[in-house]
Amino acid sequence: MDKSFSDPNINIADESADAISPTYHITQRYKRRRDSLGDIDDRNSFREEIKKTITSLMKTQGEELQKITSVIMDIKESNINIEKSVEFLSEQNAELHRKIEKLQQESKKDKEYIALLEDKVEDLQRVYSV
């Protein structure tokens, strides 16, 4: 009984296998082309152009950020002033409300006193008119 399917003469077996089957396993490697000096100069100039563009954009954004920051600070200051004004007006409103309540109470007392005096005057008029 034969235990192996291999051919005793390996060199002959490899040649016959190559002749029968196509070479699917073999891949060809390509080396990277060396850049010419023109390509390197183009890349370097492109890099420099990108650096300049990014630097310019960053400078512009920095200036805009500074402007926005100053505007925000002005808005914050205005908000603080508005809050102070609203607080002051609220205090004045509360004080005026208290004064109005006090005047209303005094007016009610005065009306009651006037009614009492009118009753006394009527009583006096009845006594002397009889």
N, C-alpha and C. Protein backbone atom coordinates (compact mmCIF):
# COMPACT_ATOMS: atom_id res chain seq x y z
N MET A 1 0.83 -1.17 0.00
CA MET A 1 0.00 0.00 0.00
C MET A 1 0.88 1.24 0.00
N ASP A 2 0.48 2.17 -0.83
CA ASP A 2 1.25 3.38 -1.02
C ASP A 2 0.77 4.44 -0.04
N LYS A 3 1.67 5.02 0.79
CA LYS A 3 1.27 5.97 1.82
C LYS A 3 1.36 7.42 1.35
N SER A 4 2.08 7.64 0.34
CA SER A 4 2.26 9.02 -0.07
C SER A 4 1.95 9.15 -1.55
N PHE A 5 1.42 10.30 -1.89
CA PHE A 5 1.13 10.56 -3.30
C PHE A 5 2.25 11.34 -3.95
N SER A 6 3.33 11.54 -3.25
CA SER A 6 4.42 12.35 -3.80
C SER A 6 5.26 11.51 -4.74
N ASP A 7 5.88 12.21 -5.62
CA ASP A 7 6.73 11.57 -6.61
C ASP A 7 8.14 11.45 -6.05
N PRO A 8 8.82 10.35 -6.24
CA PRO A 8 10.15 10.22 -5.66
C PRO A 8 11.15 11.19 -6.29
N ASN A 9 10.96 11.56 -7.52
CA ASN A 9 11.86 12.51 -8.15
C ASN A 9 11.17 13.88 -8.14
N ILE A 10 11.57 14.74 -7.20
CA ILE A 10 10.90 16.02 -6.96
C ILE A 10 11.11 16.98 -8.12
N ASN A 11 12.26 17.03 -8.69
CA ASN A 11 12.55 17.96 -9.79
C ASN A 11 11.63 17.69 -10.97
N ILE A 12 11.41 16.44 -11.29
CA ILE A 12 10.55 16.09 -12.41
C ILE A 12 9.10 16.44 -12.07
N ALA A 13 8.71 16.21 -10.80
CA ALA A 13 7.34 16.50 -10.38
C ALA A 13 7.06 18.00 -10.44
N ASP A 14 8.02 18.85 -10.07
CA ASP A 14 7.82 20.30 -10.12
C ASP A 14 7.67 20.78 -11.56
N GLU A 15 8.45 20.24 -12.45
CA GLU A 15 8.37 20.65 -13.85
C GLU A 15 7.04 20.24 -14.45
N SER A 16 6.58 19.06 -14.11
CA SER A 16 5.30 18.62 -14.67
C SER A 16 4.14 19.41 -14.07
N ALA A 17 4.23 19.80 -12.79
CA ALA A 17 3.18 20.60 -12.16
C ALA A 17 3.13 21.99 -12.77
N ASP A 18 4.28 22.57 -13.06
CA ASP A 18 4.33 23.89 -13.69
C ASP A 18 3.73 23.85 -15.09
N ALA A 19 3.97 22.80 -15.75
CA ALA A 19 3.47 22.67 -17.11
C ALA A 19 1.96 22.50 -17.10
N ILE A 20 1.40 21.86 -16.05
CA ILE A 20 -0.03 21.59 -16.01
C ILE A 20 -0.82 22.79 -15.45
N SER A 21 -0.39 23.33 -14.33
CA SER A 21 -1.19 24.38 -13.67
C SER A 21 -0.56 25.75 -13.90
N PRO A 22 -1.41 26.76 -14.04
CA PRO A 22 -0.86 28.12 -14.20
C PRO A 22 -0.34 28.62 -12.84
N THR A 23 0.44 29.64 -12.89
CA THR A 23 1.06 30.16 -11.66
C THR A 23 0.19 31.26 -11.07
N TYR A 24 -0.74 30.85 -10.21
CA TYR A 24 -1.64 31.82 -9.57
C TYR A 24 -1.06 32.40 -8.29
N HIS A 25 -0.12 31.73 -7.68
CA HIS A 25 0.39 32.17 -6.39
C HIS A 25 1.48 33.23 -6.51
N ILE A 26 2.02 33.36 -7.64
CA ILE A 26 3.16 34.25 -7.79
C ILE A 26 2.66 35.68 -8.00
N THR A 27 3.16 36.58 -7.18
CA THR A 27 2.83 37.99 -7.34
C THR A 27 4.10 38.74 -7.68
N GLN A 28 3.90 39.78 -8.42
CA GLN A 28 5.05 40.56 -8.82
C GLN A 28 5.09 41.81 -7.97
N ARG A 29 6.22 42.14 -7.43
CA ARG A 29 6.37 43.34 -6.61
C ARG A 29 7.03 44.42 -7.43
N TYR A 30 6.47 45.60 -7.23
CA TYR A 30 7.05 46.73 -7.93
C TYR A 30 7.70 47.64 -6.91
N LYS A 31 8.87 48.07 -7.22
CA LYS A 31 9.55 49.00 -6.33
C LYS A 31 9.02 50.40 -6.60
N ARG A 32 9.03 51.20 -5.55
CA ARG A 32 8.58 52.58 -5.70
C ARG A 32 9.58 53.33 -6.57
N ARG A 33 9.04 54.08 -7.49
CA ARG A 33 9.91 54.85 -8.37
C ARG A 33 10.58 55.95 -7.58
N ARG A 34 11.75 56.22 -7.91
CA ARG A 34 12.44 57.34 -7.28
C ARG A 34 11.92 58.62 -7.90
N ASP A 35 11.69 59.58 -7.01
CA ASP A 35 11.17 60.86 -7.48
C ASP A 35 12.28 61.64 -8.16
N SER A 36 11.87 62.29 -9.19
CA SER A 36 12.86 63.14 -9.85
C SER A 36 12.95 64.45 -9.06
N LEU A 37 13.91 65.24 -9.33
CA LEU A 37 14.10 66.49 -8.60
C LEU A 37 12.93 67.44 -8.81
N GLY A 38 12.34 67.41 -9.97
CA GLY A 38 11.19 68.26 -10.26
C GLY A 38 10.01 67.91 -9.37
N ASP A 39 9.77 66.61 -9.17
CA ASP A 39 8.68 66.18 -8.31
C ASP A 39 8.93 66.60 -6.87
N ILE A 40 10.15 66.49 -6.42
CA ILE A 40 10.49 66.89 -5.05
C ILE A 40 10.30 68.39 -4.88
N ASP A 41 10.73 69.16 -5.87
CA ASP A 41 10.54 70.62 -5.81
C ASP A 41 9.06 70.96 -5.80
N ASP A 42 8.27 70.26 -6.62
CA ASP A 42 6.82 70.50 -6.64
C ASP A 42 6.20 70.19 -5.29
N ARG A 43 6.60 69.10 -4.69
CA ARG A 43 6.07 68.73 -3.38
C ARG A 43 6.45 69.76 -2.32
N ASN A 44 7.71 70.15 -2.35
CA ASN A 44 8.16 71.15 -1.36
C ASN A 44 7.44 72.47 -1.53
N SER A 45 7.25 72.90 -2.78
CA SER A 45 6.53 74.16 -2.98
C SER A 45 5.08 74.02 -2.57
N PHE A 46 4.49 72.85 -2.82
CA PHE A 46 3.11 72.61 -2.39
C PHE A 46 3.01 72.64 -0.87
N ARG A 47 3.97 72.01 -0.20
CA ARG A 47 4.00 72.03 1.27
C ARG A 47 4.11 73.47 1.79
N GLU A 48 5.00 74.24 1.20
CA GLU A 48 5.18 75.62 1.63
C GLU A 48 3.90 76.43 1.40
N GLU A 49 3.25 76.19 0.26
CA GLU A 49 2.00 76.89 -0.03
C GLU A 49 0.92 76.53 0.99
N ILE A 50 0.83 75.25 1.33
CA ILE A 50 -0.14 74.79 2.33
C ILE A 50 0.19 75.42 3.69
N LYS A 51 1.48 75.43 4.06
CA LYS A 51 1.87 76.05 5.33
C LYS A 51 1.49 77.52 5.37
N LYS A 52 1.75 78.24 4.28
CA LYS A 52 1.39 79.66 4.23
C LYS A 52 -0.12 79.84 4.34
N THR A 53 -0.87 79.00 3.64
CA THR A 53 -2.33 79.10 3.69
C THR A 53 -2.85 78.84 5.09
N ILE A 54 -2.34 77.80 5.73
CA ILE A 54 -2.78 77.47 7.09
C ILE A 54 -2.38 78.58 8.05
N THR A 55 -1.16 79.10 7.91
CA THR A 55 -0.71 80.19 8.78
C THR A 55 -1.60 81.42 8.59
N SER A 56 -1.93 81.72 7.36
CA SER A 56 -2.79 82.87 7.07
C SER A 56 -4.18 82.65 7.68
N LEU A 57 -4.73 81.46 7.52
CA LEU A 57 -6.04 81.16 8.09
C LEU A 57 -6.02 81.25 9.61
N MET A 58 -4.96 80.74 10.21
CA MET A 58 -4.86 80.78 11.67
C MET A 58 -4.75 82.23 12.15
N LYS A 59 -4.02 83.05 11.44
CA LYS A 59 -3.89 84.46 11.80
C LYS A 59 -5.24 85.16 11.69
N THR A 60 -5.95 84.89 10.59
CA THR A 60 -7.27 85.48 10.39
C THR A 60 -8.23 85.04 11.49
N GLN A 61 -8.21 83.75 11.81
CA GLN A 61 -9.09 83.23 12.86
C GLN A 61 -8.73 83.83 14.21
N GLY A 62 -7.46 84.02 14.46
CA GLY A 62 -7.03 84.64 15.72
C GLY A 62 -7.54 86.06 15.83
N GLU A 63 -7.45 86.81 14.74
CA GLU A 63 -7.95 88.19 14.75
C GLU A 63 -9.46 88.21 14.97
N GLU A 64 -10.17 87.33 14.27
CA GLU A 64 -11.63 87.27 14.44
C GLU A 64 -11.99 86.85 15.85
N LEU A 65 -11.25 85.91 16.40
CA LEU A 65 -11.50 85.46 17.77
C LEU A 65 -11.29 86.60 18.76
N GLN A 66 -10.27 87.40 18.52
CA GLN A 66 -10.00 88.54 19.39
C GLN A 66 -11.15 89.56 19.31
N LYS A 67 -11.64 89.82 18.09
CA LYS A 67 -12.77 90.72 17.93
C LYS A 67 -14.01 90.18 18.64
N ILE A 68 -14.27 88.91 18.44
CA ILE A 68 -15.44 88.28 19.06
C ILE A 68 -15.32 88.33 20.57
N THR A 69 -14.13 88.09 21.08
CA THR A 69 -13.91 88.13 22.53
C THR A 69 -14.18 89.52 23.08
N SER A 70 -13.72 90.55 22.38
CA SER A 70 -13.96 91.91 22.87
C SER A 70 -15.45 92.24 22.82
N VAL A 71 -16.14 91.79 21.78
CA VAL A 71 -17.59 92.02 21.68
C VAL A 71 -18.31 91.29 22.81
N ILE A 72 -17.90 90.07 23.10
CA ILE A 72 -18.52 89.30 24.18
C ILE A 72 -18.29 90.00 25.52
N MET A 73 -17.10 90.53 25.73
CA MET A 73 -16.83 91.25 26.97
C MET A 73 -17.72 92.49 27.08
N ASP A 74 -17.92 93.20 25.97
CA ASP A 74 -18.82 94.36 25.98
C ASP A 74 -20.25 93.93 26.30
N ILE A 75 -20.67 92.83 25.73
CA ILE A 75 -22.02 92.32 25.99
C ILE A 75 -22.17 91.93 27.46
N LYS A 76 -21.15 91.27 28.01
CA LYS A 76 -21.19 90.89 29.43
C LYS A 76 -21.30 92.14 30.31
N GLU A 77 -20.53 93.16 29.98
CA GLU A 77 -20.57 94.40 30.76
C GLU A 77 -21.96 95.04 30.66
N SER A 78 -22.51 95.05 29.45
CA SER A 78 -23.86 95.59 29.27
C SER A 78 -24.88 94.79 30.07
N ASN A 79 -24.74 93.48 30.06
CA ASN A 79 -25.66 92.63 30.83
C ASN A 79 -25.58 92.92 32.33
N ILE A 80 -24.37 93.13 32.81
CA ILE A 80 -24.19 93.45 34.24
C ILE A 80 -24.88 94.78 34.56
N ASN A 81 -24.69 95.77 33.68
CA ASN A 81 -25.34 97.07 33.89
C ASN A 81 -26.86 96.94 33.83
N ILE A 82 -27.36 96.15 32.91
CA ILE A 82 -28.81 95.94 32.80
C ILE A 82 -29.34 95.25 34.05
N GLU A 83 -28.61 94.25 34.54
CA GLU A 83 -29.03 93.54 35.75
C GLU A 83 -29.09 94.51 36.94
N LYS A 84 -28.09 95.37 37.05
CA LYS A 84 -28.08 96.36 38.14
C LYS A 84 -29.28 97.30 38.02
N SER A 85 -29.55 97.75 36.79
CA SER A 85 -30.68 98.66 36.57
C SER A 85 -32.00 97.98 36.91
N VAL A 86 -32.15 96.74 36.49
CA VAL A 86 -33.38 96.00 36.76
C VAL A 86 -33.54 95.81 38.28
N GLU A 87 -32.46 95.50 38.96
CA GLU A 87 -32.52 95.33 40.41
C GLU A 87 -32.92 96.64 41.10
N PHE A 88 -32.33 97.74 40.65
CA PHE A 88 -32.66 99.05 41.22
C PHE A 88 -34.13 99.38 40.98
N LEU A 89 -34.60 99.15 39.75
CA LEU A 89 -36.00 99.43 39.43
C LEU A 89 -36.95 98.53 40.22
N SER A 90 -36.55 97.29 40.43
CA SER A 90 -37.37 96.37 41.22
C SER A 90 -37.48 96.88 42.67
N GLU A 91 -36.38 97.35 43.21
CA GLU A 91 -36.41 97.90 44.57
C GLU A 91 -37.30 99.14 44.64
N GLN A 92 -37.18 100.01 43.65
CA GLN A 92 -38.03 101.20 43.61
C GLN A 92 -39.50 100.81 43.49
N ASN A 93 -39.78 99.83 42.67
CA ASN A 93 -41.15 99.37 42.48
C ASN A 93 -41.71 98.83 43.80
N ALA A 94 -40.93 98.03 44.49
CA ALA A 94 -41.37 97.48 45.78
C ALA A 94 -41.62 98.61 46.79
N GLU A 95 -40.72 99.61 46.80
CA GLU A 95 -40.88 100.73 47.72
C GLU A 95 -42.15 101.52 47.39
N LEU A 96 -42.37 101.78 46.11
CA LEU A 96 -43.59 102.49 45.71
C LEU A 96 -44.84 101.69 46.05
N HIS A 97 -44.78 100.39 45.91
CA HIS A 97 -45.91 99.52 46.25
C HIS A 97 -46.23 99.63 47.74
N ARG A 98 -45.19 99.63 48.56
CA ARG A 98 -45.39 99.79 50.01
C ARG A 98 -46.02 101.15 50.33
N LYS A 99 -45.54 102.21 49.67
CA LYS A 99 -46.08 103.55 49.90
C LYS A 99 -47.55 103.62 49.49
N ILE A 100 -47.87 103.01 48.38
CA ILE A 100 -49.26 103.01 47.91
C ILE A 100 -50.16 102.29 48.90
N GLU A 101 -49.71 101.14 49.40
CA GLU A 101 -50.49 100.41 50.40
C GLU A 101 -50.68 101.26 51.66
N LYS A 102 -49.64 101.92 52.07
CA LYS A 102 -49.72 102.77 53.26
C LYS A 102 -50.72 103.91 53.04
N LEU A 103 -50.65 104.54 51.87
CA LEU A 103 -51.58 105.64 51.55
C LEU A 103 -53.01 105.13 51.48
N GLN A 104 -53.20 103.93 50.95
CA GLN A 104 -54.55 103.37 50.87
C GLN A 104 -55.10 103.11 52.28
N GLN A 105 -54.25 102.62 53.16
CA GLN A 105 -54.70 102.38 54.54
C GLN A 105 -55.05 103.71 55.22
N GLU A 106 -54.19 104.72 55.01
CA GLU A 106 -54.47 106.04 55.60
C GLU A 106 -55.77 106.62 55.03
N SER A 107 -55.98 106.43 53.74
CA SER A 107 -57.21 106.92 53.12
C SER A 107 -58.42 106.23 53.72
N LYS A 108 -58.31 104.92 53.94
CA LYS A 108 -59.43 104.18 54.55
C LYS A 108 -59.71 104.70 55.96
N LYS A 109 -58.66 104.92 56.74
CA LYS A 109 -58.82 105.46 58.10
C LYS A 109 -59.45 106.86 58.05
N ASP A 110 -58.96 107.69 57.10
CA ASP A 110 -59.50 109.04 56.97
C ASP A 110 -61.00 108.99 56.61
N LYS A 111 -61.39 108.10 55.73
CA LYS A 111 -62.80 107.97 55.36
C LYS A 111 -63.64 107.54 56.57
N GLU A 112 -63.10 106.62 57.35
CA GLU A 112 -63.81 106.17 58.55
C GLU A 112 -63.97 107.35 59.54
N TYR A 113 -62.91 108.14 59.69
CA TYR A 113 -62.95 109.28 60.61
C TYR A 113 -63.94 110.32 60.10
N ILE A 114 -63.93 110.55 58.78
CA ILE A 114 -64.87 111.51 58.19
C ILE A 114 -66.30 111.03 58.42
N ALA A 115 -66.54 109.74 58.23
CA ALA A 115 -67.90 109.20 58.46
C ALA A 115 -68.29 109.40 59.92
N LEU A 116 -67.38 109.19 60.84
CA LEU A 116 -67.65 109.38 62.27
C LEU A 116 -67.98 110.85 62.56
N LEU A 117 -67.18 111.74 61.97
CA LEU A 117 -67.43 113.17 62.17
C LEU A 117 -68.78 113.60 61.58
N GLU A 118 -69.13 113.05 60.42
CA GLU A 118 -70.41 113.36 59.81
C GLU A 118 -71.56 112.89 60.70
N ASP A 119 -71.39 111.71 61.29
CA ASP A 119 -72.42 111.21 62.21
C ASP A 119 -72.56 112.14 63.41
N LYS A 120 -71.44 112.61 63.96
CA LYS A 120 -71.48 113.53 65.10
C LYS A 120 -72.17 114.84 64.73
N VAL A 121 -71.85 115.36 63.54
CA VAL A 121 -72.45 116.60 63.07
C VAL A 121 -73.96 116.42 62.94
N GLU A 122 -74.37 115.31 62.38
CA GLU A 122 -75.81 115.04 62.24
C GLU A 122 -76.48 114.96 63.62
N ASP A 123 -75.81 114.29 64.55
CA ASP A 123 -76.36 114.18 65.91
C ASP A 123 -76.50 115.56 66.54
N LEU A 124 -75.50 116.40 66.36
CA LEU A 124 -75.53 117.76 66.91
C LEU A 124 -76.65 118.60 66.25
N GLN A 125 -76.79 118.41 64.98
CA GLN A 125 -77.84 119.15 64.27
C GLN A 125 -79.22 118.72 64.76
N ARG A 126 -79.43 117.47 65.07
CA ARG A 126 -80.70 116.97 65.57
C ARG A 126 -80.97 117.52 66.97
N VAL A 127 -79.92 117.56 67.75
CA VAL A 127 -80.09 118.04 69.14
C VAL A 127 -80.45 119.52 69.10
N TYR A 128 -79.81 120.32 68.34
CA TYR A 128 -80.06 121.76 68.33
C TYR A 128 -81.26 122.13 67.47
N SER A 129 -81.66 121.30 66.60
CA SER A 129 -82.81 121.61 65.78
C SER A 129 -84.11 121.26 66.54
N VAL A 130 -84.12 120.60 67.51
CA VAL A 130 -85.32 120.24 68.25
C VAL A 130 -85.77 121.34 69.13
